[in-house]
Amino acid sequence: MIVLAIDTSTDAVSVAVSNSKQLLASSHVLSDRRHAEQLAPIIKNVCEQADISMREIDVVGVDIGPGLFTGMRVGIASAKTIAQVLDVPIIGISSLDILARSVATTERVVLATIDARRGELYWAMYRNDVGPSIEVKPPAVGKVSDCIVDVVDRGQATLIVGGGALRHRTSITESLEATGLSIEWASEQFAQPSASVLAVIVAELALHEQWQTAAELQALYLRAPDAEINWLTRVNS
């Protein structure tokens, strides 16, 4: 089974191709918000590196967010188009799920974070101690202080992963250590969700036919786009 995985939920364009046994090729490029311009050439290059044609793809996987609205839309629209043209199923995975799966098995609760801009975070919590990550706190969006409250309420040793929290590393560390909680930070190499990890998750789900049609796939938006927020702010001011 050949998987094409696409992740454009952050500042990077990440693409991977795998089969049911191994990763065949991948690319992870910082895009400076040029997702629409860069994605198609990167998909073409990764398929060439993997020595496959697009027609050999059996399932498409895509990061459905939360993350950058423009990037998400580019990735999801492209994944849907490819799935429809090839008449293959599609599997959408949360960016937070991908981050949680990126880190090694641990007894700690995993706090996965994505930068939500406006001084806010997207986050969710997971158990990562017995195989694939299990969500124990659903995705949320809010201020850094709100995220800290969630971690303190959980009251367990925590492994923090993702670029969202890294932007506020000092304040988060000081706040959590002041409560006596044991915290650990994942490597900065896991700051962004990766299509290589996404491909692994998609391959596992595809084996059990846990997929969708392109028409059924929905993005995971936890708040309104910045443009809409700005407009409402002006209207209500």
C-alpha atoms as a PDB file:
ATOM      1  CA  MET A   1       0.000   0.000   0.000  1.00  0.00           C
ATOM      2  CA  ILE A   2       1.445   3.359  -1.076  1.00  0.00           C
ATOM      3  CA  VAL A   3       0.675   6.363   1.137  1.00  0.00           C
ATOM      4  CA  LEU A   4       1.070  10.006   0.141  1.00  0.00           C
ATOM      5  CA  ALA A   5       1.152  12.212   3.263  1.00  0.00           C
ATOM      6  CA  ILE A   6       0.787  15.999   3.125  1.00  0.00           C
ATOM      7  CA  ASP A   7       1.294  18.435   6.012  1.00  0.00           C
ATOM      8  CA  THR A   8       0.987  22.201   5.541  1.00  0.00           C
ATOM      9  CA  SER A   9      -0.522  23.189   8.892  1.00  0.00           C
ATOM     10  CA  THR A  10       2.509  25.223  10.020  1.00  0.00           C
ATOM     11  CA  ASP A  11       5.216  27.344   8.399  1.00  0.00           C
ATOM     12  CA  ALA A  12       6.588  24.224   6.701  1.00  0.00           C
ATOM     13  CA  VAL A  13       5.531  22.206   3.676  1.00  0.00           C
ATOM     14  CA  SER A  14       6.051  18.555   4.570  1.00  0.00           C
ATOM     15  CA  VAL A  15       5.429  15.648   2.174  1.00  0.00           C
ATOM     16  CA  ALA A  16       6.197  11.946   2.506  1.00  0.00           C
ATOM     17  CA  VAL A  17       5.611   8.748   0.559  1.00  0.00           C
ATOM     18  CA  SER A  18       5.666   5.352   2.260  1.00  0.00           C
ATOM     19  CA  ASN A  19       4.558   1.804   1.754  1.00  0.00           C
ATOM     20  CA  SER A  20       3.192  -0.468   4.461  1.00  0.00           C
ATOM     21  CA  LYS A  21       6.731  -1.303   5.615  1.00  0.00           C
ATOM     22  CA  GLN A  22       8.879   1.810   5.363  1.00  0.00           C
ATOM     23  CA  LEU A  23       9.286   5.450   4.434  1.00  0.00           C
ATOM     24  CA  LEU A  24      10.281   5.747   0.778  1.00  0.00           C
ATOM     25  CA  ALA A  25      10.972   9.484   0.505  1.00  0.00           C
ATOM     26  CA  SER A  26      10.175  12.730   2.291  1.00  0.00           C
ATOM     27  CA  SER A  27      10.738  16.474   2.223  1.00  0.00           C
ATOM     28  CA  HIS A  28      10.273  19.122   4.932  1.00  0.00           C
ATOM     29  CA  VAL A  29      10.758  22.709   3.733  1.00  0.00           C
ATOM     30  CA  LEU A  30      10.121  25.988   5.551  1.00  0.00           C
ATOM     31  CA  SER A  31       7.729  27.797   3.241  1.00  0.00           C
ATOM     32  CA  ASP A  32       7.436  31.360   4.561  1.00  0.00           C
ATOM     33  CA  ARG A  33       3.678  30.989   3.879  1.00  0.00           C
ATOM     34  CA  ARG A  34       4.256  30.048   0.226  1.00  0.00           C
ATOM     35  CA  HIS A  35       2.434  26.751   0.660  1.00  0.00           C
ATOM     36  CA  ALA A  36       0.371  27.029  -2.531  1.00  0.00           C
ATOM     37  CA  GLU A  37       3.444  27.777  -4.627  1.00  0.00           C
ATOM     38  CA  GLN A  38       5.654  25.067  -3.165  1.00  0.00           C
ATOM     39  CA  LEU A  39       3.392  22.091  -2.488  1.00  0.00           C
ATOM     40  CA  ALA A  40       2.877  20.682  -6.008  1.00  0.00           C
ATOM     41  CA  PRO A  41       6.606  20.713  -6.948  1.00  0.00           C
ATOM     42  CA  ILE A  42       7.499  19.099  -3.626  1.00  0.00           C
ATOM     43  CA  ILE A  43       4.928  16.321  -4.132  1.00  0.00           C
ATOM     44  CA  LYS A  44       6.354  15.715  -7.611  1.00  0.00           C
ATOM     45  CA  ASN A  45       9.930  15.589  -6.304  1.00  0.00           C
ATOM     46  CA  VAL A  46       9.105  13.260  -3.414  1.00  0.00           C
ATOM     47  CA  CYS A  47       7.281  10.846  -5.734  1.00  0.00           C
ATOM     48  CA  GLU A  48      10.291  10.863  -8.060  1.00  0.00           C
ATOM     49  CA  GLN A  49      12.637  10.159  -5.140  1.00  0.00           C
ATOM     50  CA  ALA A  50      10.395   7.275  -4.090  1.00  0.00           C
ATOM     51  CA  ASP A  51      10.392   6.029  -7.694  1.00  0.00           C
ATOM     52  CA  ILE A  52       6.612   5.873  -7.903  1.00  0.00           C
ATOM     53  CA  SER A  53       4.025   7.484 -10.147  1.00  0.00           C
ATOM     54  CA  MET A  54       1.007   9.302  -8.764  1.00  0.00           C
ATOM     55  CA  ARG A  55      -1.171   6.509 -10.148  1.00  0.00           C
ATOM     56  CA  GLU A  56       0.445   4.069  -7.716  1.00  0.00           C
ATOM     57  CA  ILE A  57      -0.835   5.956  -4.661  1.00  0.00           C
ATOM     58  CA  ASP A  58      -3.436   3.940  -2.729  1.00  0.00           C
ATOM     59  CA  VAL A  59      -4.392   6.405   0.004  1.00  0.00           C
ATOM     60  CA  VAL A  60      -3.800  10.084   0.745  1.00  0.00           C
ATOM     61  CA  GLY A  61      -3.156  11.374   4.267  1.00  0.00           C
ATOM     62  CA  VAL A  62      -3.384  15.022   5.262  1.00  0.00           C
ATOM     63  CA  ASP A  63      -2.937  17.127   8.388  1.00  0.00           C
ATOM     64  CA  ILE A  64      -6.355  18.689   9.074  1.00  0.00           C
ATOM     65  CA  GLY A  65      -5.158  21.146  11.708  1.00  0.00           C
ATOM     66  CA  PRO A  66      -5.343  23.033  13.901  1.00  0.00           C
ATOM     67  CA  GLY A  67      -2.715  25.381  12.513  1.00  0.00           C
ATOM     68  CA  LEU A  68      -2.229  28.156   9.991  1.00  0.00           C
ATOM     69  CA  PHE A  69      -5.527  28.662   8.172  1.00  0.00           C
ATOM     70  CA  THR A  70      -4.004  29.391   4.759  1.00  0.00           C
ATOM     71  CA  GLY A  71      -1.591  26.482   4.968  1.00  0.00           C
ATOM     72  CA  MET A  72      -4.287  24.082   6.127  1.00  0.00           C
ATOM     73  CA  ARG A  73      -6.564  25.048   3.267  1.00  0.00           C
ATOM     74  CA  VAL A  74      -3.828  24.530   0.698  1.00  0.00           C
ATOM     75  CA  GLY A  75      -2.933  21.094   2.028  1.00  0.00           C
ATOM     76  CA  ILE A  76      -6.490  19.880   2.494  1.00  0.00           C
ATOM     77  CA  ALA A  77      -7.658  21.149  -0.902  1.00  0.00           C
ATOM     78  CA  SER A  78      -4.666  19.531  -2.622  1.00  0.00           C
ATOM     79  CA  ALA A  79      -5.153  16.227  -0.793  1.00  0.00           C
ATOM     80  CA  LYS A  80      -8.855  16.165  -1.674  1.00  0.00           C
ATOM     81  CA  THR A  81      -8.134  16.909  -5.324  1.00  0.00           C
ATOM     82  CA  ILE A  82      -5.512  14.165  -5.561  1.00  0.00           C
ATOM     83  CA  ALA A  83      -7.814  11.649  -3.844  1.00  0.00           C
ATOM     84  CA  GLN A  84     -10.691  12.526  -6.168  1.00  0.00           C
ATOM     85  CA  VAL A  85      -8.596  12.399  -9.342  1.00  0.00           C
ATOM     86  CA  LEU A  86      -7.024   9.069  -8.365  1.00  0.00           C
ATOM     87  CA  ASP A  87     -10.298   7.752  -6.899  1.00  0.00           C
ATOM     88  CA  VAL A  88      -8.586   6.706  -3.662  1.00  0.00           C
ATOM     89  CA  PRO A  89      -9.609   7.200  -0.017  1.00  0.00           C
ATOM     90  CA  ILE A  90      -8.301   9.968   2.216  1.00  0.00           C
ATOM     91  CA  ILE A  91      -7.407  10.050   5.918  1.00  0.00           C
ATOM     92  CA  GLY A  92      -7.243  13.262   7.939  1.00  0.00           C
ATOM     93  CA  ILE A  93      -5.150  13.442  11.111  1.00  0.00           C
ATOM     94  CA  SER A  94      -4.893  16.265  13.649  1.00  0.00           C
ATOM     95  CA  SER A  95      -1.608  18.165  13.787  1.00  0.00           C
ATOM     96  CA  LEU A  96      -1.606  17.621  17.557  1.00  0.00           C
ATOM     97  CA  ASP A  97      -1.984  13.846  17.098  1.00  0.00           C
ATOM     98  CA  ILE A  98       1.010  13.906  14.761  1.00  0.00           C
ATOM     99  CA  LEU A  99       3.152  15.819  17.262  1.00  0.00           C
ATOM    100  CA  ALA A 100       2.229  13.438  20.073  1.00  0.00           C
ATOM    101  CA  ARG A 101       3.157  10.449  17.938  1.00  0.00           C
ATOM    102  CA  SER A 102       6.509  12.072  17.083  1.00  0.00           C
ATOM    103  CA  VAL A 103       7.970  11.544  20.547  1.00  0.00           C
ATOM    104  CA  ALA A 104       9.187   8.267  21.983  1.00  0.00           C
ATOM    105  CA  THR A 105       7.159   6.123  24.360  1.00  0.00           C
ATOM    106  CA  THR A 106       7.072   7.802  27.766  1.00  0.00           C
ATOM    107  CA  GLU A 107       5.367   7.430  31.132  1.00  0.00           C
ATOM    108  CA  ARG A 108       4.750  11.183  31.129  1.00  0.00           C
ATOM    109  CA  VAL A 109       1.606  12.836  29.839  1.00  0.00           C
ATOM    110  CA  VAL A 110       2.421  14.353  26.443  1.00  0.00           C
ATOM    111  CA  LEU A 111       1.332  17.962  25.927  1.00  0.00           C
ATOM    112  CA  ALA A 112       1.268  18.652  22.173  1.00  0.00           C
ATOM    113  CA  THR A 113       1.187  22.316  21.153  1.00  0.00           C
ATOM    114  CA  ILE A 114       0.833  24.396  17.991  1.00  0.00           C
ATOM    115  CA  ASP A 115       1.284  28.163  17.751  1.00  0.00           C
ATOM    116  CA  ALA A 116      -2.162  29.770  17.307  1.00  0.00           C
ATOM    117  CA  ARG A 117      -0.750  33.295  16.929  1.00  0.00           C
ATOM    118  CA  ARG A 118      -2.254  36.225  18.867  1.00  0.00           C
ATOM    119  CA  GLY A 119      -0.316  34.983  21.909  1.00  0.00           C
ATOM    120  CA  GLU A 120      -2.401  31.801  22.013  1.00  0.00           C
ATOM    121  CA  LEU A 121      -1.815  28.063  21.681  1.00  0.00           C
ATOM    122  CA  TYR A 122      -3.603  25.045  20.323  1.00  0.00           C
ATOM    123  CA  TRP A 123      -3.020  22.071  22.602  1.00  0.00           C
ATOM    124  CA  ALA A 124      -4.127  18.574  23.532  1.00  0.00           C
ATOM    125  CA  MET A 125      -2.835  15.920  25.938  1.00  0.00           C
ATOM    126  CA  TYR A 126      -1.997  12.282  25.308  1.00  0.00           C
ATOM    127  CA  ARG A 127      -0.861   9.049  26.908  1.00  0.00           C
ATOM    128  CA  ASN A 128       2.130   7.680  25.047  1.00  0.00           C
ATOM    129  CA  ASP A 129       3.053   4.783  27.309  1.00  0.00           C
ATOM    130  CA  VAL A 130       1.383   1.800  25.649  1.00  0.00           C
ATOM    131  CA  GLY A 131       1.853   1.989  21.906  1.00  0.00           C
ATOM    132  CA  PRO A 132       0.117   4.599  19.721  1.00  0.00           C
ATOM    133  CA  SER A 133      -0.818   7.881  21.391  1.00  0.00           C
ATOM    134  CA  ILE A 134      -4.160   7.996  23.203  1.00  0.00           C
ATOM    135  CA  GLU A 135      -5.847  11.377  23.596  1.00  0.00           C
ATOM    136  CA  VAL A 136      -6.684  12.165  27.231  1.00  0.00           C
ATOM    137  CA  LYS A 137      -7.526  15.869  26.831  1.00  0.00           C
ATOM    138  CA  PRO A 138      -9.257  17.017  23.626  1.00  0.00           C
ATOM    139  CA  PRO A 139      -7.895  19.849  21.471  1.00  0.00           C
ATOM    140  CA  ALA A 140      -8.327  23.350  22.849  1.00  0.00           C
ATOM    141  CA  VAL A 141      -7.289  26.894  21.995  1.00  0.00           C
ATOM    142  CA  GLY A 142      -6.552  29.687  24.413  1.00  0.00           C
ATOM    143  CA  LYS A 143      -3.980  31.752  26.224  1.00  0.00           C
ATOM    144  CA  VAL A 144      -0.749  30.220  27.465  1.00  0.00           C
ATOM    145  CA  SER A 145      -2.094  30.600  31.003  1.00  0.00           C
ATOM    146  CA  ASP A 146      -5.132  28.474  30.071  1.00  0.00           C
ATOM    147  CA  CYS A 147      -2.855  25.723  28.810  1.00  0.00           C
ATOM    148  CA  ILE A 148      -0.822  25.868  32.017  1.00  0.00           C
ATOM    149  CA  VAL A 149      -4.012  25.500  34.080  1.00  0.00           C
ATOM    150  CA  ASP A 150      -4.911  22.349  32.121  1.00  0.00           C
ATOM    151  CA  VAL A 151      -1.488  20.837  32.807  1.00  0.00           C
ATOM    152  CA  VAL A 152      -1.642  21.708  36.512  1.00  0.00           C
ATOM    153  CA  ASP A 153      -5.166  20.283  36.785  1.00  0.00           C
ATOM    154  CA  ARG A 154      -3.895  17.048  35.243  1.00  0.00           C
ATOM    155  CA  GLY A 155      -1.239  16.930  37.950  1.00  0.00           C
ATOM    156  CA  GLN A 156       1.132  14.514  36.212  1.00  0.00           C
ATOM    157  CA  ALA A 157       4.718  14.616  35.007  1.00  0.00           C
ATOM    158  CA  THR A 158       4.560  16.117  31.528  1.00  0.00           C
ATOM    159  CA  LEU A 159       6.524  15.970  28.284  1.00  0.00           C
ATOM    160  CA  ILE A 160       5.959  19.100  26.191  1.00  0.00           C
ATOM    161  CA  VAL A 161       6.285  18.958  22.406  1.00  0.00           C
ATOM    162  CA  GLY A 162       5.646  21.443  19.610  1.00  0.00           C
ATOM    163  CA  GLY A 163       6.572  24.918  18.496  1.00  0.00           C
ATOM    164  CA  GLY A 164       3.582  26.545  20.164  1.00  0.00           C
ATOM    165  CA  ALA A 165       4.923  25.992  23.664  1.00  0.00           C
ATOM    166  CA  LEU A 166       8.536  26.531  22.593  1.00  0.00           C
ATOM    167  CA  ARG A 167       7.704  30.179  21.869  1.00  0.00           C
ATOM    168  CA  HIS A 168       6.805  30.546  25.543  1.00  0.00           C
ATOM    169  CA  ARG A 169       9.293  28.080  27.004  1.00  0.00           C
ATOM    170  CA  THR A 170      10.617  30.276  29.804  1.00  0.00           C
ATOM    171  CA  SER A 171       7.237  31.351  31.175  1.00  0.00           C
ATOM    172  CA  ILE A 172       5.757  27.845  30.881  1.00  0.00           C
ATOM    173  CA  THR A 173       8.756  26.258  32.588  1.00  0.00           C
ATOM    174  CA  GLU A 174       8.724  28.759  35.446  1.00  0.00           C
ATOM    175  CA  SER A 175       4.968  28.477  35.976  1.00  0.00           C
ATOM    176  CA  LEU A 176       4.883  24.676  35.995  1.00  0.00           C
ATOM    177  CA  GLU A 177       8.029  24.167  38.050  1.00  0.00           C
ATOM    178  CA  ALA A 178       6.620  26.571  40.650  1.00  0.00           C
ATOM    179  CA  THR A 179       3.781  24.078  41.196  1.00  0.00           C
ATOM    180  CA  GLY A 180       6.217  21.220  41.775  1.00  0.00           C
ATOM    181  CA  LEU A 181       5.310  19.404  38.562  1.00  0.00           C
ATOM    182  CA  SER A 182       8.064  17.537  36.745  1.00  0.00           C
ATOM    183  CA  ILE A 183       8.317  18.701  33.136  1.00  0.00           C
ATOM    184  CA  GLU A 184      10.496  17.722  30.215  1.00  0.00           C
ATOM    185  CA  TRP A 185      10.824  19.333  26.787  1.00  0.00           C
ATOM    186  CA  ALA A 186      10.960  17.284  23.595  1.00  0.00           C
ATOM    187  CA  SER A 187      13.689  18.065  21.085  1.00  0.00           C
ATOM    188  CA  GLU A 188      13.170  21.121  18.890  1.00  0.00           C
ATOM    189  CA  GLN A 189      13.335  18.766  15.897  1.00  0.00           C
ATOM    190  CA  PHE A 190       9.717  17.951  16.788  1.00  0.00           C
ATOM    191  CA  ALA A 191       8.624  21.601  16.787  1.00  0.00           C
ATOM    192  CA  GLN A 192       6.410  21.013  13.747  1.00  0.00           C
ATOM    193  CA  PRO A 193       4.281  18.062  12.687  1.00  0.00           C
ATOM    194  CA  SER A 194       5.987  15.909  10.075  1.00  0.00           C
ATOM    195  CA  ALA A 195       4.546  14.168   7.027  1.00  0.00           C
ATOM    196  CA  SER A 196       6.865  11.235   7.764  1.00  0.00           C
ATOM    197  CA  VAL A 197       5.064  10.615  11.064  1.00  0.00           C
ATOM    198  CA  LEU A 198       1.707  11.309   9.423  1.00  0.00           C
ATOM    199  CA  ALA A 199       2.463   8.614   6.834  1.00  0.00           C
ATOM    200  CA  VAL A 200       3.002   6.039   9.598  1.00  0.00           C
ATOM    201  CA  ILE A 201      -0.327   6.868  11.246  1.00  0.00           C
ATOM    202  CA  VAL A 202      -2.169   6.826   7.917  1.00  0.00           C
ATOM    203  CA  ALA A 203      -0.703   3.453   6.938  1.00  0.00           C
ATOM    204  CA  GLU A 204      -1.875   1.935  10.237  1.00  0.00           C
ATOM    205  CA  LEU A 205      -5.409   3.264   9.826  1.00  0.00           C
ATOM    206  CA  ALA A 206      -5.571   2.297   6.164  1.00  0.00           C
ATOM    207  CA  LEU A 207      -4.850  -1.335   7.030  1.00  0.00           C
ATOM    208  CA  HIS A 208      -8.170  -1.304   8.900  1.00  0.00           C
ATOM    209  CA  GLU A 209      -9.880   0.785   6.206  1.00  0.00           C
ATOM    210  CA  GLN A 210     -10.449   3.649   8.658  1.00  0.00           C
ATOM    211  CA  TRP A 211     -10.647   6.253   5.958  1.00  0.00           C
ATOM    212  CA  GLN A 212     -13.002   8.807   4.429  1.00  0.00           C
ATOM    213  CA  THR A 213     -13.987  10.105   1.044  1.00  0.00           C
ATOM    214  CA  ALA A 214     -12.716  13.508  -0.023  1.00  0.00           C
ATOM    215  CA  ALA A 215     -16.231  14.915   0.394  1.00  0.00           C
ATOM    216  CA  GLU A 216     -16.387  13.758   4.020  1.00  0.00           C
ATOM    217  CA  LEU A 217     -13.049  15.225   5.112  1.00  0.00           C
ATOM    218  CA  GLN A 218     -13.295  18.322   7.314  1.00  0.00           C
ATOM    219  CA  ALA A 219     -10.648  20.694   8.664  1.00  0.00           C
ATOM    220  CA  LEU A 220     -10.204  21.005  12.434  1.00  0.00           C
ATOM    221  CA  TYR A 221     -10.718  24.720  13.101  1.00  0.00           C
ATOM    222  CA  LEU A 222     -10.733  25.582  16.790  1.00  0.00           C
ATOM    223  CA  ARG A 223     -11.403  29.279  16.243  1.00  0.00           C
ATOM    224  CA  ALA A 224     -12.362  31.710  13.492  1.00  0.00           C
ATOM    225  CA  PRO A 225      -9.684  32.825  10.984  1.00  0.00           C
ATOM    226  CA  ASP A 226      -7.670  35.915  11.955  1.00  0.00           C
ATOM    227  CA  ALA A 227      -9.259  37.917   9.133  1.00  0.00           C
ATOM    228  CA  GLU A 228     -12.719  37.188  10.520  1.00  0.00           C
ATOM    229  CA  ILE A 229     -11.612  38.044  14.064  1.00  0.00           C
ATOM    230  CA  ASN A 230     -10.119  41.334  12.851  1.00  0.00           C
ATOM    231  CA  TRP A 231     -13.330  42.203  10.999  1.00  0.00           C
ATOM    232  CA  LEU A 232     -15.514  41.447  14.023  1.00  0.00           C
ATOM    233  CA  THR A 233     -13.201  43.509  16.232  1.00  0.00           C
ATOM    234  CA  ARG A 234     -13.558  46.512  13.924  1.00  0.00           C
ATOM    235  CA  VAL A 235     -17.331  46.105  13.678  1.00  0.00           C
ATOM    236  CA  ASN A 236     -17.762  45.871  17.441  1.00  0.00           C
ATOM    237  CA  SER A 237     -15.343  48.664  18.339  1.00  0.00           C
END
